[in-house]
Amino acid sequence: MNQDIINKYLNPVKNTEQPFLLVSELQQLCSAARDANNTEHSHDFYTIYLLKEGDVNYSTAHLSEKIPTPGLLFIGPGILHRMEIAPTSMGSTVIFNHAFINLEQSTFFKDLPFFSDDQIYSLLPLTSKSADEYENLIQMMKNEYHGELNGNGLLLKNFLNVLLLKAQHQLHESPLHSGASIPSSHHSTLLQFKKLLGEQFNQTRQVADYAQQLNIQPECLNEVTKDLAGITASELIRNKILNETRKLLFTTNLSFKEIALQLGFEDTAYFSRYFKKHTGQTMKEFRQHIQNLSK
């Protein structure tokens, strides 16, 4: 077992200005982090799983699903989840943080639909042939990866961009998180909604207000989100607020009142009840839970 892999996964760099990348065999990583993955947890980095075969179960507070293989599984930062991956599962993982992709300057990455802001994962189903193609691409990344970025950072970033561009192109043939045939306009609507949500969630919390900006009926917006994300637009709004709350509880020392105000809630007591109602924990309990997991 490569101890460096274990340490980097369980203790990634906390300085968000320092680029972080990890490329690993699925078996190696999941054996190293099995205990952590089997408990509810969240990360401050992006994860791509290439799942070629085996049993994989993914669950959040709102769902529990067996992930079909082969496929690409995308999990964004701050999503509280649990992963159960059978020891016989085959595949690879690519993990990176904001600094590695230079998020502030990457308009390309911001427009990608893979890393959801809600608690629903993004899955791109693959054929055996396309899974082999992704495996070859990730293998080239592994050949360049030596635990430290050194002079290989640019090449690794280019490999990652190729992987994401390839997945984006394939998305038109195989919709995310659904085996059904979904109109391409639905994908565009969802992306526009998520863009608006990312900009306005701390000001706008009504589905009708977002639907008006998108020039569609609230019922239509709900149909789109149910088709592509599996939940209603109001649930997406709620999950965005809850995940932003979790991020602030995890990454800052802001008081609960300061967090409530930052997220657009002037009544701290109401916001505290809102958080507990939808998570089953008080903000204090959640912060303590995350701190214990990080030790």
C-alpha atoms as a PDB file:
ATOM      1  CA  MET A   1       0.000   0.000   0.000  1.00  0.00           C
ATOM      2  CA  ASN A   2       1.356   3.404  -0.976  1.00  0.00           C
ATOM      3  CA  GLN A   3       1.301   5.456   2.235  1.00  0.00           C
ATOM      4  CA  ASP A   4       1.636   8.658   0.222  1.00  0.00           C
ATOM      5  CA  ILE A   5      -1.687   7.910  -1.506  1.00  0.00           C
ATOM      6  CA  ILE A   6      -3.360   7.300   1.858  1.00  0.00           C
ATOM      7  CA  ASN A   7      -2.015  10.487   3.407  1.00  0.00           C
ATOM      8  CA  LYS A   8      -2.858  12.684   0.431  1.00  0.00           C
ATOM      9  CA  TYR A   9      -6.447  11.438   0.267  1.00  0.00           C
ATOM     10  CA  LEU A  10      -7.171  11.598   3.985  1.00  0.00           C
ATOM     11  CA  ASN A  11      -5.182  14.801   4.533  1.00  0.00           C
ATOM     12  CA  PRO A  12      -5.211  16.882   1.319  1.00  0.00           C
ATOM     13  CA  VAL A  13      -3.602  20.300   1.339  1.00  0.00           C
ATOM     14  CA  LYS A  14      -5.721  22.753   3.307  1.00  0.00           C
ATOM     15  CA  ASN A  15      -4.154  25.803   1.688  1.00  0.00           C
ATOM     16  CA  THR A  16      -6.591  26.419  -1.169  1.00  0.00           C
ATOM     17  CA  GLU A  17      -3.959  28.491  -2.999  1.00  0.00           C
ATOM     18  CA  GLN A  18      -1.700  25.443  -3.343  1.00  0.00           C
ATOM     19  CA  PRO A  19      -2.518  23.160  -6.315  1.00  0.00           C
ATOM     20  CA  PHE A  20      -3.466  19.624  -5.352  1.00  0.00           C
ATOM     21  CA  LEU A  21      -3.873  16.590  -7.616  1.00  0.00           C
ATOM     22  CA  LEU A  22      -4.121  12.881  -6.898  1.00  0.00           C
ATOM     23  CA  VAL A  23      -4.360  10.109  -9.505  1.00  0.00           C
ATOM     24  CA  SER A  24      -4.824   6.593  -8.188  1.00  0.00           C
ATOM     25  CA  GLU A  25      -6.135   3.121  -8.848  1.00  0.00           C
ATOM     26  CA  LEU A  26      -9.635   2.764  -7.438  1.00  0.00           C
ATOM     27  CA  GLN A  27      -8.727  -0.308  -5.387  1.00  0.00           C
ATOM     28  CA  GLN A  28      -5.663   1.328  -3.884  1.00  0.00           C
ATOM     29  CA  LEU A  29      -7.444   4.518  -2.889  1.00  0.00           C
ATOM     30  CA  CYS A  30     -10.604   2.895  -1.600  1.00  0.00           C
ATOM     31  CA  SER A  31      -8.681   0.360   0.464  1.00  0.00           C
ATOM     32  CA  ALA A  32      -6.744   3.223   1.999  1.00  0.00           C
ATOM     33  CA  ALA A  33      -9.825   5.265   2.786  1.00  0.00           C
ATOM     34  CA  ARG A  34     -12.473   2.576   3.239  1.00  0.00           C
ATOM     35  CA  ASP A  35     -13.363   3.578   6.807  1.00  0.00           C
ATOM     36  CA  ALA A  36     -13.619   7.253   5.885  1.00  0.00           C
ATOM     37  CA  ASN A  37     -15.716   6.549   2.777  1.00  0.00           C
ATOM     38  CA  ASN A  38     -18.137   4.306   4.640  1.00  0.00           C
ATOM     39  CA  THR A  39     -19.087   7.124   7.015  1.00  0.00           C
ATOM     40  CA  GLU A  40     -20.909  10.299   6.033  1.00  0.00           C
ATOM     41  CA  HIS A  41     -18.298  12.845   4.979  1.00  0.00           C
ATOM     42  CA  SER A  42     -17.537  15.675   2.579  1.00  0.00           C
ATOM     43  CA  HIS A  43     -14.419  16.907   0.793  1.00  0.00           C
ATOM     44  CA  ASP A  44     -13.035  20.285  -0.197  1.00  0.00           C
ATOM     45  CA  PHE A  45     -11.866  18.906  -3.551  1.00  0.00           C
ATOM     46  CA  TYR A  46     -13.343  17.545  -6.788  1.00  0.00           C
ATOM     47  CA  THR A  47     -13.415  13.792  -7.446  1.00  0.00           C
ATOM     48  CA  ILE A  48     -13.824  11.859 -10.682  1.00  0.00           C
ATOM     49  CA  TYR A  49     -14.303   8.103 -10.415  1.00  0.00           C
ATOM     50  CA  LEU A  50     -13.855   5.940 -13.502  1.00  0.00           C
ATOM     51  CA  LEU A  51     -15.900   2.885 -12.503  1.00  0.00           C
ATOM     52  CA  LYS A  52     -15.237  -0.007 -14.878  1.00  0.00           C
ATOM     53  CA  GLU A  53     -16.867  -2.833 -12.936  1.00  0.00           C
ATOM     54  CA  GLY A  54     -17.950  -3.861  -9.457  1.00  0.00           C
ATOM     55  CA  ASP A  55     -20.514  -2.886  -6.841  1.00  0.00           C
ATOM     56  CA  VAL A  56     -20.612   0.787  -5.866  1.00  0.00           C
ATOM     57  CA  ASN A  57     -23.267   2.335  -3.620  1.00  0.00           C
ATOM     58  CA  TYR A  58     -23.622   6.083  -3.181  1.00  0.00           C
ATOM     59  CA  SER A  59     -25.855   7.744  -0.599  1.00  0.00           C
ATOM     60  CA  THR A  60     -26.664  11.197   0.779  1.00  0.00           C
ATOM     61  CA  ALA A  61     -29.276  12.458   3.177  1.00  0.00           C
ATOM     62  CA  HIS A  62     -31.779  12.318   0.305  1.00  0.00           C
ATOM     63  CA  LEU A  63     -30.984   9.169  -1.642  1.00  0.00           C
ATOM     64  CA  SER A  64     -29.284   5.797  -1.666  1.00  0.00           C
ATOM     65  CA  GLU A  65     -28.448   4.269  -5.019  1.00  0.00           C
ATOM     66  CA  LYS A  66     -26.367   1.540  -6.591  1.00  0.00           C
ATOM     67  CA  ILE A  67     -24.192   3.084  -9.289  1.00  0.00           C
ATOM     68  CA  PRO A  68     -24.300   1.259 -12.627  1.00  0.00           C
ATOM     69  CA  THR A  69     -20.972   0.452 -14.268  1.00  0.00           C
ATOM     70  CA  PRO A  70     -19.146   1.288 -16.431  1.00  0.00           C
ATOM     71  CA  GLY A  71     -19.435   5.020 -15.890  1.00  0.00           C
ATOM     72  CA  LEU A  72     -17.812   8.270 -14.810  1.00  0.00           C
ATOM     73  CA  LEU A  73     -18.948   9.460 -11.391  1.00  0.00           C
ATOM     74  CA  PHE A  74     -18.414  13.141 -10.524  1.00  0.00           C
ATOM     75  CA  ILE A  75     -18.611  14.450  -6.941  1.00  0.00           C
ATOM     76  CA  GLY A  76     -18.030  18.117  -6.161  1.00  0.00           C
ATOM     77  CA  PRO A  77     -16.670  19.663  -2.961  1.00  0.00           C
ATOM     78  CA  GLY A  78     -18.863  20.158   0.083  1.00  0.00           C
ATOM     79  CA  ILE A  79     -21.335  17.355  -0.709  1.00  0.00           C
ATOM     80  CA  LEU A  80     -22.062  15.269   2.371  1.00  0.00           C
ATOM     81  CA  HIS A  81     -22.153  11.651   1.179  1.00  0.00           C
ATOM     82  CA  ARG A  82     -21.201   8.046   1.795  1.00  0.00           C
ATOM     83  CA  MET A  83     -19.443   5.734  -0.694  1.00  0.00           C
ATOM     84  CA  GLU A  84     -19.418   1.957  -0.420  1.00  0.00           C
ATOM     85  CA  ILE A  85     -17.089   0.408  -2.989  1.00  0.00           C
ATOM     86  CA  ALA A  86     -16.618  -3.352  -3.113  1.00  0.00           C
ATOM     87  CA  PRO A  87     -12.965  -4.513  -2.822  1.00  0.00           C
ATOM     88  CA  THR A  88     -13.260  -6.227  -6.223  1.00  0.00           C
ATOM     89  CA  SER A  89     -14.326  -3.038  -8.021  1.00  0.00           C
ATOM     90  CA  MET A  90     -12.062  -1.882 -10.840  1.00  0.00           C
ATOM     91  CA  GLY A  91     -11.341   1.647 -12.001  1.00  0.00           C
ATOM     92  CA  SER A  92      -9.427   4.842 -11.265  1.00  0.00           C
ATOM     93  CA  THR A  93      -9.795   8.128  -9.408  1.00  0.00           C
ATOM     94  CA  VAL A  94      -8.720  11.664 -10.258  1.00  0.00           C
ATOM     95  CA  ILE A  95      -8.887  14.214  -7.426  1.00  0.00           C
ATOM     96  CA  PHE A  96      -8.051  17.923  -7.660  1.00  0.00           C
ATOM     97  CA  ASN A  97      -8.795  21.219  -5.939  1.00  0.00           C
ATOM     98  CA  HIS A  98      -9.803  24.731  -7.057  1.00  0.00           C
ATOM     99  CA  ALA A  99      -6.225  25.915  -7.291  1.00  0.00           C
ATOM    100  CA  PHE A 100      -5.192  23.126  -9.652  1.00  0.00           C
ATOM    101  CA  ILE A 101      -7.760  24.151 -12.274  1.00  0.00           C
ATOM    102  CA  ASN A 102      -7.349  27.888 -11.530  1.00  0.00           C
ATOM    103  CA  LEU A 103     -11.112  28.190 -11.159  1.00  0.00           C
ATOM    104  CA  GLU A 104     -11.148  31.989 -11.191  1.00  0.00           C
ATOM    105  CA  GLN A 105      -9.886  32.042 -14.779  1.00  0.00           C
ATOM    106  CA  SER A 106     -11.466  28.839 -16.097  1.00  0.00           C
ATOM    107  CA  THR A 107     -14.789  29.758 -17.689  1.00  0.00           C
ATOM    108  CA  PHE A 108     -14.677  26.358 -19.392  1.00  0.00           C
ATOM    109  CA  PHE A 109     -14.777  24.502 -16.080  1.00  0.00           C
ATOM    110  CA  LYS A 110     -17.518  26.696 -14.622  1.00  0.00           C
ATOM    111  CA  ASP A 111     -19.840  25.794 -17.500  1.00  0.00           C
ATOM    112  CA  LEU A 112     -19.425  22.048 -17.070  1.00  0.00           C
ATOM    113  CA  PRO A 113     -22.555  20.257 -15.778  1.00  0.00           C
ATOM    114  CA  PHE A 114     -20.719  17.438 -14.007  1.00  0.00           C
ATOM    115  CA  PHE A 115     -19.998  18.809 -10.546  1.00  0.00           C
ATOM    116  CA  SER A 116     -23.436  19.442  -9.131  1.00  0.00           C
ATOM    117  CA  ASP A 117     -24.081  22.048  -6.447  1.00  0.00           C
ATOM    118  CA  ASP A 118     -26.779  19.896  -4.882  1.00  0.00           C
ATOM    119  CA  GLN A 119     -26.552  16.554  -3.105  1.00  0.00           C
ATOM    120  CA  ILE A 120     -27.157  14.466  -6.227  1.00  0.00           C
ATOM    121  CA  TYR A 121     -24.066  13.015  -7.843  1.00  0.00           C
ATOM    122  CA  SER A 122     -23.445  13.299 -11.587  1.00  0.00           C
ATOM    123  CA  LEU A 123     -23.014  10.061 -13.505  1.00  0.00           C
ATOM    124  CA  LEU A 124     -22.078   9.684 -17.156  1.00  0.00           C
ATOM    125  CA  PRO A 125     -22.846   6.128 -18.332  1.00  0.00           C
ATOM    126  CA  LEU A 126     -20.155   4.569 -20.549  1.00  0.00           C
ATOM    127  CA  THR A 127     -19.813   1.678 -22.956  1.00  0.00           C
ATOM    128  CA  SER A 128     -17.010  -0.824 -22.382  1.00  0.00           C
ATOM    129  CA  LYS A 129     -15.148   0.730 -25.318  1.00  0.00           C
ATOM    130  CA  SER A 130     -15.420   4.301 -24.040  1.00  0.00           C
ATOM    131  CA  ALA A 131     -14.476   3.168 -20.516  1.00  0.00           C
ATOM    132  CA  ASP A 132     -11.260   1.716 -21.979  1.00  0.00           C
ATOM    133  CA  GLU A 133     -10.575   5.032 -23.719  1.00  0.00           C
ATOM    134  CA  TYR A 134     -10.923   6.937 -20.447  1.00  0.00           C
ATOM    135  CA  GLU A 135      -8.747   4.362 -18.717  1.00  0.00           C
ATOM    136  CA  ASN A 136      -5.998   4.921 -21.295  1.00  0.00           C
ATOM    137  CA  LEU A 137      -6.223   8.691 -20.793  1.00  0.00           C
ATOM    138  CA  ILE A 138      -6.029   8.371 -17.018  1.00  0.00           C
ATOM    139  CA  GLN A 139      -3.128   5.953 -17.385  1.00  0.00           C
ATOM    140  CA  MET A 140      -1.227   8.689 -19.223  1.00  0.00           C
ATOM    141  CA  MET A 141      -1.970  10.970 -16.276  1.00  0.00           C
ATOM    142  CA  LYS A 142      -0.631   8.312 -13.895  1.00  0.00           C
ATOM    143  CA  ASN A 143       2.561   8.068 -15.935  1.00  0.00           C
ATOM    144  CA  GLU A 144       3.107  11.809 -15.401  1.00  0.00           C
ATOM    145  CA  TYR A 145       1.998  11.848 -11.787  1.00  0.00           C
ATOM    146  CA  HIS A 146       4.699  11.328  -9.157  1.00  0.00           C
ATOM    147  CA  GLY A 147       2.992  12.579  -6.014  1.00  0.00           C
ATOM    148  CA  GLU A 148       4.247  16.133  -6.526  1.00  0.00           C
ATOM    149  CA  LEU A 149       3.318  18.439  -9.398  1.00  0.00           C
ATOM    150  CA  ASN A 150       6.804  19.852 -10.006  1.00  0.00           C
ATOM    151  CA  GLY A 151       7.130  20.653 -13.705  1.00  0.00           C
ATOM    152  CA  ASN A 152       4.343  18.303 -14.751  1.00  0.00           C
ATOM    153  CA  GLY A 153       1.464  20.462 -13.546  1.00  0.00           C
ATOM    154  CA  LEU A 154       0.666  21.987 -16.938  1.00  0.00           C
ATOM    155  CA  LEU A 155       0.698  18.637 -18.726  1.00  0.00           C
ATOM    156  CA  LEU A 156      -1.503  17.050 -16.060  1.00  0.00           C
ATOM    157  CA  LYS A 157      -3.913  19.979 -16.274  1.00  0.00           C
ATOM    158  CA  ASN A 158      -4.112  19.501 -20.040  1.00  0.00           C
ATOM    159  CA  PHE A 159      -4.840  15.803 -19.583  1.00  0.00           C
ATOM    160  CA  LEU A 160      -7.616  16.705 -17.139  1.00  0.00           C
ATOM    161  CA  ASN A 161      -9.083  19.227 -19.592  1.00  0.00           C
ATOM    162  CA  VAL A 162      -9.073  16.580 -22.335  1.00  0.00           C
ATOM    163  CA  LEU A 163     -10.885  14.154 -20.039  1.00  0.00           C
ATOM    164  CA  LEU A 164     -13.553  16.730 -19.179  1.00  0.00           C
ATOM    165  CA  LEU A 165     -13.963  17.888 -22.785  1.00  0.00           C
ATOM    166  CA  LYS A 166     -14.346  14.287 -23.911  1.00  0.00           C
ATOM    167  CA  ALA A 167     -16.992  13.708 -21.234  1.00  0.00           C
ATOM    168  CA  GLN A 168     -18.782  16.917 -22.209  1.00  0.00           C
ATOM    169  CA  HIS A 169     -18.889  15.819 -25.846  1.00  0.00           C
ATOM    170  CA  GLN A 170     -20.181  12.382 -24.860  1.00  0.00           C
ATOM    171  CA  LEU A 171     -22.885  13.945 -22.697  1.00  0.00           C
ATOM    172  CA  HIS A 172     -24.937  14.732 -25.815  1.00  0.00           C
ATOM    173  CA  GLU A 173     -25.151  11.009 -26.561  1.00  0.00           C
ATOM    174  CA  SER A 174     -25.707   9.796 -23.005  1.00  0.00           C
ATOM    175  CA  PRO A 175     -27.468  12.206 -20.594  1.00  0.00           C
ATOM    176  CA  LEU A 176     -26.225  12.654 -17.047  1.00  0.00           C
ATOM    177  CA  HIS A 177     -27.855  10.630 -14.278  1.00  0.00           C
ATOM    178  CA  SER A 178     -30.509   9.184 -16.572  1.00  0.00           C
ATOM    179  CA  GLY A 179     -30.891   6.461 -19.149  1.00  0.00           C
ATOM    180  CA  ALA A 180     -33.915   8.215 -20.652  1.00  0.00           C
ATOM    181  CA  SER A 181     -33.973  10.321 -23.772  1.00  0.00           C
ATOM    182  CA  ILE A 182     -34.089  13.901 -22.514  1.00  0.00           C
ATOM    183  CA  PRO A 183     -34.415  16.959 -24.789  1.00  0.00           C
ATOM    184  CA  SER A 184     -31.161  18.881 -25.142  1.00  0.00           C
ATOM    185  CA  SER A 185     -33.048  22.048 -24.205  1.00  0.00           C
ATOM    186  CA  HIS A 186     -33.524  20.575 -20.738  1.00  0.00           C
ATOM    187  CA  HIS A 187     -29.758  20.433 -20.259  1.00  0.00           C
ATOM    188  CA  SER A 188     -29.475  24.083 -21.280  1.00  0.00           C
ATOM    189  CA  THR A 189     -32.274  25.087 -18.916  1.00  0.00           C
ATOM    190  CA  LEU A 190     -30.723  23.215 -16.011  1.00  0.00           C
ATOM    191  CA  LEU A 191     -27.331  24.828 -16.612  1.00  0.00           C
ATOM    192  CA  GLN A 192     -28.909  28.288 -16.768  1.00  0.00           C
ATOM    193  CA  PHE A 193     -30.900  27.592 -13.600  1.00  0.00           C
ATOM    194  CA  LYS A 194     -27.801  26.366 -11.735  1.00  0.00           C
ATOM    195  CA  LYS A 195     -25.882  29.439 -12.899  1.00  0.00           C
ATOM    196  CA  LEU A 196     -28.625  31.716 -11.566  1.00  0.00           C
ATOM    197  CA  LEU A 197     -28.835  29.671  -8.392  1.00  0.00           C
ATOM    198  CA  GLY A 198     -25.106  30.008  -7.816  1.00  0.00           C
ATOM    199  CA  GLU A 199     -25.379  33.775  -8.175  1.00  0.00           C
ATOM    200  CA  GLN A 200     -28.638  34.395  -6.293  1.00  0.00           C
ATOM    201  CA  PHE A 201     -29.242  31.615  -3.758  1.00  0.00           C
ATOM    202  CA  ASN A 202     -28.602  33.957  -0.823  1.00  0.00           C
ATOM    203  CA  GLN A 203     -31.205  36.406  -2.182  1.00  0.00           C
ATOM    204  CA  THR A 204     -33.731  34.356  -4.170  1.00  0.00           C
ATOM    205  CA  ARG A 205     -35.334  31.224  -2.758  1.00  0.00           C
ATOM    206  CA  GLN A 206     -38.596  30.893  -4.721  1.00  0.00           C
ATOM    207  CA  VAL A 207     -38.873  28.584  -7.737  1.00  0.00           C
ATOM    208  CA  ALA A 208     -41.245  31.033  -9.429  1.00  0.00           C
ATOM    209  CA  ASP A 209     -38.626  33.803  -9.335  1.00  0.00           C
ATOM    210  CA  TYR A 210     -36.051  31.625 -11.102  1.00  0.00           C
ATOM    211  CA  ALA A 211     -38.629  30.372 -13.596  1.00  0.00           C
ATOM    212  CA  GLN A 212     -39.548  33.960 -14.460  1.00  0.00           C
ATOM    213  CA  GLN A 213     -35.912  34.772 -15.230  1.00  0.00           C
ATOM    214  CA  LEU A 214     -35.742  31.679 -17.452  1.00  0.00           C
ATOM    215  CA  ASN A 215     -39.021  32.615 -19.206  1.00  0.00           C
ATOM    216  CA  ILE A 216     -40.652  29.309 -18.307  1.00  0.00           C
ATOM    217  CA  GLN A 217     -43.379  28.158 -15.931  1.00  0.00           C
ATOM    218  CA  PRO A 218     -42.383  26.865 -12.474  1.00  0.00           C
ATOM    219  CA  GLU A 219     -43.920  23.500 -13.378  1.00  0.00           C
ATOM    220  CA  CYS A 220     -41.633  23.279 -16.417  1.00  0.00           C
ATOM    221  CA  LEU A 221     -38.557  24.090 -14.330  1.00  0.00           C
ATOM    222  CA  ASN A 222     -39.515  21.354 -11.886  1.00  0.00           C
ATOM    223  CA  GLU A 223     -39.923  18.905 -14.762  1.00  0.00           C
ATOM    224  CA  VAL A 224     -36.422  19.722 -16.008  1.00  0.00           C
ATOM    225  CA  THR A 225     -34.782  19.322 -12.609  1.00  0.00           C
ATOM    226  CA  LYS A 226     -36.637  16.072 -11.915  1.00  0.00           C
ATOM    227  CA  ASP A 227     -35.530  14.651 -15.282  1.00  0.00           C
ATOM    228  CA  LEU A 228     -31.869  15.552 -14.896  1.00  0.00           C
ATOM    229  CA  ALA A 229     -31.211  15.831 -11.146  1.00  0.00           C
ATOM    230  CA  GLY A 230     -33.917  13.585  -9.742  1.00  0.00           C
ATOM    231  CA  ILE A 231     -35.355  16.268  -7.429  1.00  0.00           C
ATOM    232  CA  THR A 232     -37.480  19.415  -7.681  1.00  0.00           C
ATOM    233  CA  ALA A 233     -36.165  22.925  -8.206  1.00  0.00           C
ATOM    234  CA  SER A 234     -37.099  23.879  -4.658  1.00  0.00           C
ATOM    235  CA  GLU A 235     -35.049  20.940  -3.364  1.00  0.00           C
ATOM    236  CA  LEU A 236     -32.097  22.105  -5.455  1.00  0.00           C
ATOM    237  CA  ILE A 237     -32.422  25.571  -3.936  1.00  0.00           C
ATOM    238  CA  ARG A 238     -32.643  24.115  -0.451  1.00  0.00           C
ATOM    239  CA  ASN A 239     -29.675  21.802  -1.024  1.00  0.00           C
ATOM    240  CA  LYS A 240     -27.597  24.696  -2.348  1.00  0.00           C
ATOM    241  CA  ILE A 241     -28.284  26.671   0.832  1.00  0.00           C
ATOM    242  CA  LEU A 242     -27.554  23.672   3.060  1.00  0.00           C
ATOM    243  CA  ASN A 243     -24.310  22.832   1.272  1.00  0.00           C
ATOM    244  CA  GLU A 244     -23.122  26.432   1.412  1.00  0.00           C
ATOM    245  CA  THR A 245     -23.912  26.359   5.129  1.00  0.00           C
ATOM    246  CA  ARG A 246     -21.878  23.170   5.546  1.00  0.00           C
ATOM    247  CA  LYS A 247     -18.964  24.681   3.631  1.00  0.00           C
ATOM    248  CA  LEU A 248     -18.943  27.758   5.848  1.00  0.00           C
ATOM    249  CA  LEU A 249     -19.214  25.635   8.989  1.00  0.00           C
ATOM    250  CA  PHE A 250     -16.341  23.459   7.759  1.00  0.00           C
ATOM    251  CA  THR A 251     -13.974  26.017   6.261  1.00  0.00           C
ATOM    252  CA  THR A 252     -14.503  29.113   8.445  1.00  0.00           C
ATOM    253  CA  ASN A 253     -14.831  30.131  12.071  1.00  0.00           C
ATOM    254  CA  LEU A 254     -17.805  32.386  11.378  1.00  0.00           C
ATOM    255  CA  SER A 255     -20.473  32.490  14.065  1.00  0.00           C
ATOM    256  CA  PHE A 256     -23.872  30.968  13.306  1.00  0.00           C
ATOM    257  CA  LYS A 257     -25.349  34.485  13.118  1.00  0.00           C
ATOM    258  CA  GLU A 258     -22.679  35.572  10.614  1.00  0.00           C
ATOM    259  CA  ILE A 259     -23.327  32.490   8.481  1.00  0.00           C
ATOM    260  CA  ALA A 260     -27.083  33.102   8.534  1.00  0.00           C
ATOM    261  CA  LEU A 261     -26.616  36.724   7.426  1.00  0.00           C
ATOM    262  CA  GLN A 262     -24.156  35.744   4.689  1.00  0.00           C
ATOM    263  CA  LEU A 263     -26.755  33.321   3.299  1.00  0.00           C
ATOM    264  CA  GLY A 264     -29.570  35.869   3.389  1.00  0.00           C
ATOM    265  CA  PHE A 265     -31.312  34.883   6.626  1.00  0.00           C
ATOM    266  CA  GLU A 266     -31.772  37.776   9.043  1.00  0.00           C
ATOM    267  CA  ASP A 267     -33.459  35.599  11.683  1.00  0.00           C
ATOM    268  CA  THR A 268     -30.716  33.357  13.105  1.00  0.00           C
ATOM    269  CA  ALA A 269     -33.168  31.312  15.175  1.00  0.00           C
ATOM    270  CA  TYR A 270     -35.278  30.571  12.087  1.00  0.00           C
ATOM    271  CA  PHE A 271     -32.179  29.657  10.085  1.00  0.00           C
ATOM    272  CA  SER A 272     -31.021  27.302  12.853  1.00  0.00           C
ATOM    273  CA  ARG A 273     -34.401  25.545  12.800  1.00  0.00           C
ATOM    274  CA  TYR A 274     -34.256  25.405   8.984  1.00  0.00           C
ATOM    275  CA  PHE A 275     -30.847  23.735   9.044  1.00  0.00           C
ATOM    276  CA  LYS A 276     -31.814  21.183  11.679  1.00  0.00           C
ATOM    277  CA  LYS A 277     -35.129  20.371   9.997  1.00  0.00           C
ATOM    278  CA  HIS A 278     -33.421  19.411   6.735  1.00  0.00           C
ATOM    279  CA  THR A 279     -30.216  17.839   8.077  1.00  0.00           C
ATOM    280  CA  GLY A 280     -31.230  16.317  11.397  1.00  0.00           C
ATOM    281  CA  GLN A 281     -28.376  18.156  13.120  1.00  0.00           C
ATOM    282  CA  THR A 282     -27.868  21.552  14.670  1.00  0.00           C
ATOM    283  CA  MET A 283     -25.106  23.684  13.159  1.00  0.00           C
ATOM    284  CA  LYS A 284     -23.082  23.156  16.318  1.00  0.00           C
ATOM    285  CA  GLU A 285     -23.436  19.368  16.035  1.00  0.00           C
ATOM    286  CA  PHE A 286     -22.456  19.415  12.360  1.00  0.00           C
ATOM    287  CA  ARG A 287     -19.369  21.568  12.956  1.00  0.00           C
ATOM    288  CA  GLN A 288     -18.250  19.285  15.770  1.00  0.00           C
ATOM    289  CA  HIS A 289     -18.875  16.184  13.614  1.00  0.00           C
ATOM    290  CA  ILE A 290     -16.758  17.551  10.746  1.00  0.00           C
ATOM    291  CA  GLN A 291     -13.968  18.595  13.111  1.00  0.00           C
ATOM    292  CA  ASN A 292     -13.875  15.080  14.543  1.00  0.00           C
ATOM    293  CA  LEU A 293     -13.658  13.552  11.051  1.00  0.00           C
ATOM    294  CA  SER A 294     -10.783  15.891  10.144  1.00  0.00           C
ATOM    295  CA  LYS A 295      -8.641  14.795  13.117  1.00  0.00           C
END
